[in-house]
Protein backbone atom coordinates (compact mmCIF):
# COMPACT_ATOMS: atom_id res chain seq x y z
CA MET A 1 -23.96 -45.97 -63.88
CA ALA A 2 -24.21 -45.48 -60.12
CA LEU A 3 -21.59 -44.13 -57.78
CA ALA A 4 -19.81 -46.15 -55.09
CA ALA A 5 -18.53 -43.09 -53.22
CA THR A 6 -18.78 -39.35 -53.10
CA CYS A 7 -17.03 -36.02 -53.55
CA PHE A 8 -17.68 -32.99 -51.43
CA ALA A 9 -18.11 -29.23 -51.39
CA SER A 10 -18.11 -26.69 -48.62
CA VAL A 11 -21.70 -26.15 -47.54
CA GLY A 12 -23.08 -22.64 -47.36
CA ALA A 13 -20.08 -20.98 -49.00
CA ALA A 14 -19.49 -19.84 -52.56
CA GLN A 15 -17.06 -22.09 -54.41
CA PRO A 16 -14.27 -20.48 -56.44
CA VAL A 17 -14.39 -21.89 -59.96
CA VAL A 18 -11.63 -21.48 -62.51
CA GLN A 19 -13.29 -20.23 -65.69
CA PRO A 20 -12.37 -21.94 -68.97
CA GLY A 21 -9.09 -20.52 -70.21
CA ALA A 22 -8.50 -18.47 -67.06
CA HIS A 23 -5.06 -18.41 -65.47
CA ALA A 24 -4.16 -17.10 -62.04
CA ALA A 25 -0.69 -15.88 -61.17
CA ALA A 26 0.73 -19.31 -60.47
CA PRO A 27 -0.34 -22.87 -59.56
CA PRO A 28 -0.05 -23.88 -55.91
CA SER A 29 3.33 -25.12 -54.81
CA ALA A 30 3.81 -28.64 -53.51
CA GLN A 31 3.75 -27.23 -49.96
CA ALA A 32 0.60 -25.10 -50.37
CA VAL A 33 -2.39 -26.08 -48.26
CA ALA A 34 -5.79 -26.12 -49.95
CA ASP A 35 -9.19 -25.34 -48.50
CA PRO A 36 -9.94 -28.57 -46.59
CA LEU A 37 -13.71 -28.12 -46.83
CA SER A 38 -14.08 -28.29 -50.60
CA ASP A 39 -13.13 -30.25 -53.71
CA ALA A 40 -13.63 -27.17 -55.88
CA PRO A 41 -10.59 -25.71 -57.65
CA GLU A 42 -8.59 -23.28 -55.58
CA ALA A 43 -9.05 -19.61 -56.52
CA THR A 44 -5.26 -19.33 -56.89
CA PHE A 45 -4.91 -22.39 -59.10
CA ALA A 46 -3.99 -22.03 -62.77
CA PRO A 47 -4.02 -24.93 -65.24
CA SER A 48 -0.72 -25.74 -66.89
CA ALA A 49 0.00 -23.87 -70.11
CA SER A 50 2.78 -26.24 -71.16
CA ARG A 51 0.53 -28.33 -73.42
CA PRO A 52 -1.63 -26.63 -76.07
CA LEU A 53 -5.28 -27.58 -76.27
CA VAL A 54 -6.19 -30.01 -79.03
CA ASP A 55 -9.85 -29.21 -79.49
CA ALA A 56 -12.49 -31.30 -81.23
CA PRO A 57 -16.13 -30.75 -82.24
CA SER A 58 -17.28 -34.01 -80.65
CA TYR A 59 -16.13 -36.72 -78.26
CA ALA A 60 -15.76 -39.15 -81.13
CA GLN A 61 -13.41 -36.72 -82.88
CA ALA A 62 -11.50 -36.13 -79.66
CA LEU A 63 -10.78 -39.85 -79.43
CA VAL A 64 -9.25 -39.65 -82.90
CA ARG A 65 -7.23 -36.48 -82.33
CA TRP A 66 -5.98 -37.03 -78.78
CA ARG A 67 -2.93 -39.18 -78.29
CA ASP A 68 -2.12 -39.34 -74.58
CA ALA A 69 -2.82 -38.05 -71.06
CA GLY A 70 -1.32 -34.68 -71.96
CA ASP A 71 -4.11 -34.03 -74.46
CA VAL A 72 -6.80 -35.14 -72.00
CA ASN A 73 -5.28 -33.00 -69.25
CA ALA A 74 -5.06 -29.89 -71.46
CA TRP A 75 -8.76 -30.22 -72.31
CA ILE A 76 -9.68 -30.68 -68.63
CA GLY A 77 -7.69 -27.61 -67.62
CA THR A 78 -9.50 -25.48 -70.19
CA ARG A 79 -13.04 -26.86 -70.09
CA PHE A 80 -13.86 -28.32 -66.67
CA ARG A 81 -16.34 -26.49 -64.43
CA TYR A 82 -16.96 -27.60 -60.87
CA ASP A 83 -20.60 -28.11 -59.77
CA PRO A 84 -20.94 -27.62 -55.97
CA ALA A 85 -24.67 -28.40 -56.00
CA ARG A 86 -23.99 -31.82 -57.51
CA ALA A 87 -21.32 -32.44 -54.88
CA LEU A 88 -23.93 -32.10 -52.15
CA GLN A 89 -26.31 -34.38 -54.03
CA LEU A 90 -23.58 -37.02 -54.05
CA SER A 91 -22.74 -36.66 -50.37
CA GLU A 92 -22.80 -39.83 -48.30
CA THR A 93 -25.78 -38.52 -46.35
CA GLN A 94 -27.86 -37.90 -49.48
CA ARG A 95 -26.96 -41.27 -50.98
CA GLN A 96 -28.16 -43.02 -47.84
CA ARG A 97 -31.45 -41.11 -47.99
CA ASN A 98 -32.13 -41.07 -51.72
CA GLY A 99 -29.99 -43.81 -53.25
CA THR A 100 -27.24 -43.45 -55.80
CA LEU A 101 -27.10 -41.02 -58.71
CA PRO A 102 -25.71 -41.78 -62.17
CA ILE A 103 -22.18 -40.65 -62.96
CA VAL A 104 -21.88 -38.70 -66.20
CA ALA A 105 -20.69 -40.74 -69.19
CA PRO A 106 -17.58 -39.43 -70.98
CA SER A 107 -19.44 -38.48 -74.17
CA ALA A 108 -22.02 -36.47 -72.19
CA PHE A 109 -19.30 -34.91 -70.05
CA PHE A 110 -17.50 -33.75 -73.20
CA GLU A 111 -20.65 -31.91 -74.30
CA GLN A 112 -21.23 -30.36 -70.87
CA PRO A 113 -17.97 -30.54 -68.87
CA ALA A 114 -19.40 -29.65 -65.46
CA GLY A 115 -19.46 -31.96 -62.48
CA VAL A 116 -17.48 -33.21 -59.51
CA CYS A 117 -14.43 -35.36 -58.86
CA VAL A 118 -15.91 -38.70 -59.87
CA ASP A 119 -17.39 -37.32 -63.11
CA LEU A 120 -14.00 -35.87 -64.00
CA SER A 121 -12.02 -38.98 -63.09
CA ARG A 122 -14.40 -41.19 -65.07
CA PHE A 123 -13.93 -39.01 -68.12
CA ALA A 124 -10.14 -39.15 -67.77
CA VAL A 125 -9.84 -42.87 -67.09
CA GLU A 126 -12.23 -44.09 -69.78
CA THR A 127 -10.87 -41.66 -72.37
CA LEU A 128 -7.23 -42.51 -71.68
CA ARG A 129 -8.00 -46.23 -71.84
CA GLN A 130 -9.25 -45.73 -75.39
CA ILE A 131 -6.52 -43.46 -76.74
CA ASP A 132 -3.51 -44.86 -74.85
CA PRO A 133 -4.08 -48.32 -73.35
CA ALA A 134 -0.38 -48.62 -72.49
CA ALA A 135 -0.87 -45.90 -69.85
CA LYS A 136 -2.91 -48.38 -67.76
CA ALA A 137 -5.33 -45.70 -66.58
CA ARG A 138 -7.25 -46.44 -63.41
CA TYR A 139 -9.02 -44.73 -60.52
CA LEU A 140 -7.60 -43.72 -57.16
CA MET A 141 -10.26 -43.52 -54.46
CA ILE A 142 -9.18 -41.45 -51.45
CA GLU A 143 -10.99 -41.45 -48.13
CA PHE A 144 -10.38 -38.57 -45.74
CA ASP A 145 -11.41 -38.27 -42.12
CA PRO A 146 -15.14 -37.54 -42.44
CA LEU A 147 -16.51 -34.03 -42.15
CA VAL A 148 -20.11 -33.22 -41.26
CA LEU A 149 -21.18 -29.88 -42.72
CA SER A 150 -24.80 -28.73 -42.47
CA GLY A 151 -25.83 -32.31 -41.86
CA GLN A 152 -23.92 -33.71 -44.87
CA THR A 153 -21.24 -36.34 -44.31
CA LEU A 154 -18.32 -35.76 -46.67
CA ARG A 155 -15.28 -37.97 -46.95
CA ARG A 156 -14.34 -39.44 -50.36
CA HIS A 157 -12.50 -38.10 -53.37
CA TRP A 158 -11.53 -39.51 -56.77
CA VAL A 159 -8.62 -38.83 -59.14
CA ALA A 160 -7.11 -40.70 -62.09
CA VAL A 161 -3.72 -42.40 -62.20
CA TYR A 162 -1.67 -43.56 -65.17
CA GLU A 163 1.79 -44.93 -65.87
CA ALA A 164 4.53 -43.35 -67.98
CA GLY A 165 8.25 -44.02 -68.00
CA GLY A 166 7.87 -46.67 -65.31
CA GLN A 167 6.42 -44.18 -62.83
CA LEU A 168 3.01 -43.02 -61.66
CA HIS A 169 1.21 -39.78 -62.52
CA PHE A 170 -2.02 -38.47 -60.98
CA PHE A 171 -4.45 -36.08 -62.69
CA ALA A 172 -8.13 -35.29 -63.36
CA ASP A 173 -8.34 -33.86 -59.84
CA SER A 174 -11.27 -31.48 -59.39
CA LYS A 175 -9.15 -29.58 -56.89
CA ARG A 176 -6.42 -28.99 -59.48
CA PRO A 177 -7.92 -29.41 -62.99
CA GLY A 178 -5.21 -29.27 -65.62
CA HIS A 179 -2.50 -30.34 -63.16
CA VAL A 180 -0.50 -33.58 -63.39
CA ALA A 181 1.12 -34.65 -60.11
CA GLY A 182 4.22 -36.73 -60.52
CA PRO A 183 6.18 -38.64 -61.36
CA TYR A 184 5.97 -40.78 -58.22
CA THR A 185 7.47 -44.18 -57.56
CA SER A 186 4.44 -45.34 -55.58
CA THR A 187 0.88 -44.38 -54.81
CA ALA A 188 1.79 -44.11 -51.13
CA GLN A 189 4.32 -41.42 -51.98
CA PHE A 190 1.63 -39.39 -53.75
CA ILE A 191 -0.86 -39.94 -50.92
CA GLU A 192 1.55 -38.57 -48.34
CA ALA A 193 2.12 -35.41 -50.40
CA TYR A 194 -1.58 -35.06 -51.21
CA ALA A 195 -2.64 -35.27 -47.56
CA LYS A 196 -0.32 -32.37 -46.79
CA TYR A 197 -1.65 -30.36 -49.74
CA ARG A 198 -5.30 -30.95 -48.82
CA GLY A 199 -4.70 -30.31 -45.11
CA ARG A 200 -6.67 -33.42 -44.16
CA ARG A 201 -5.73 -36.85 -42.86
CA ILE A 202 -6.22 -39.65 -45.39
CA VAL A 203 -7.45 -42.79 -43.64
CA ALA A 204 -7.71 -45.09 -46.67
CA TYR A 205 -7.03 -45.22 -50.38
CA GLN A 206 -7.30 -47.75 -53.16
CA GLU A 207 -6.48 -48.02 -56.84
CA ARG A 208 -9.50 -49.40 -58.64
CA GLY A 209 -10.54 -50.43 -62.11
CA SER A 210 -14.04 -48.97 -61.69
CA PHE A 211 -15.81 -46.30 -59.64
CA GLU A 212 -18.81 -48.64 -59.15
CA ARG A 213 -17.36 -51.19 -56.77
CA GLN A 214 -17.86 -50.83 -53.05
CA LEU A 215 -15.19 -49.61 -50.64
CA ARG A 216 -15.17 -52.77 -48.54
CA ALA A 217 -11.88 -53.98 -50.03
CA ALA A 218 -10.09 -50.74 -49.13
CA ARG A 219 -7.90 -51.11 -46.07
CA ARG A 220 -8.38 -48.55 -43.33
CA ALA A 221 -5.89 -46.90 -40.99
CA THR A 222 -7.33 -47.38 -37.51
CA GLY A 223 -4.26 -46.54 -35.49
CA SER A 224 -3.36 -50.16 -34.69
CA SER A 225 0.07 -51.41 -35.73
CA SER A 226 -1.36 -54.03 -38.09
CA SER A 227 -3.76 -51.81 -40.02
CA ALA A 228 -1.49 -48.77 -40.14
CA SER A 229 1.07 -50.71 -42.14
CA SER A 230 -1.41 -52.35 -44.50
CA PRO A 231 -1.21 -51.53 -48.22
CA GLY A 232 -3.89 -49.02 -49.09
CA SER A 233 -3.72 -47.11 -45.83
CA LEU A 234 -1.30 -44.48 -44.69
CA SER A 235 0.00 -43.34 -41.34
CA LEU A 236 1.83 -40.08 -41.85
CA SER A 237 3.84 -40.72 -38.71
CA SER A 238 5.39 -43.88 -40.13
CA PRO A 239 7.24 -44.72 -43.38
CA PRO A 240 4.94 -45.03 -46.42
CA PRO A 241 3.78 -48.62 -47.09
CA SER A 242 4.14 -50.51 -50.32
CA PRO A 243 1.69 -49.43 -53.04
CA PRO A 244 -1.62 -51.33 -53.20
CA THR A 245 -2.10 -53.97 -55.84
CA PRO A 246 -4.35 -52.64 -58.62
CA PRO A 247 -7.71 -54.43 -58.82
């Protein structure tokens, strides 16, 4: 399957990768600011140890043993490895030159859990849909102000969102693998907090049922009064809008 958007990595710099099972002193606080030039896990980030890993010899067995997002998240926090070279291959610039690249299927990702944000979010969404349909798992596509690094245009990021207890939770974030953000009452509330954490302005976002569809339906924040208040866009200088309607 081909990608409709891209993740990004800092160009020309080594990316800190949390090794499987490694734990730093503490996860970043809600007010911490991440490296704005990369989707790779922060060197100071530690996956949550509150949920024990339920391991499985195969993806098929994992679908039998796992029960909810907590099991998926525990596996992600232990197994996921970020691939900065793939992030550059999926940059907007490279896609325009060379066309789209396939996004790793969940079964293949389970065997080799290395990739970028969209690979990780696909694994989380499709897996959670099978083991816990009531969670209503879906994608959240985030578009930042674009960066151009070494000729590569970088702007988009993907995470997974699910529902529990009538509220929203966000996870499968390559920046914070093994972390669940929430609960939130709306996607806009999460977006406002996430923009502060990432240290970058978010110009558009959209909940989506698939990573394959184009971004055209996403509403953009252009600075005008009409677009800044549209669902799916966020002006951090004004009250958060109503959450977008899922596709």
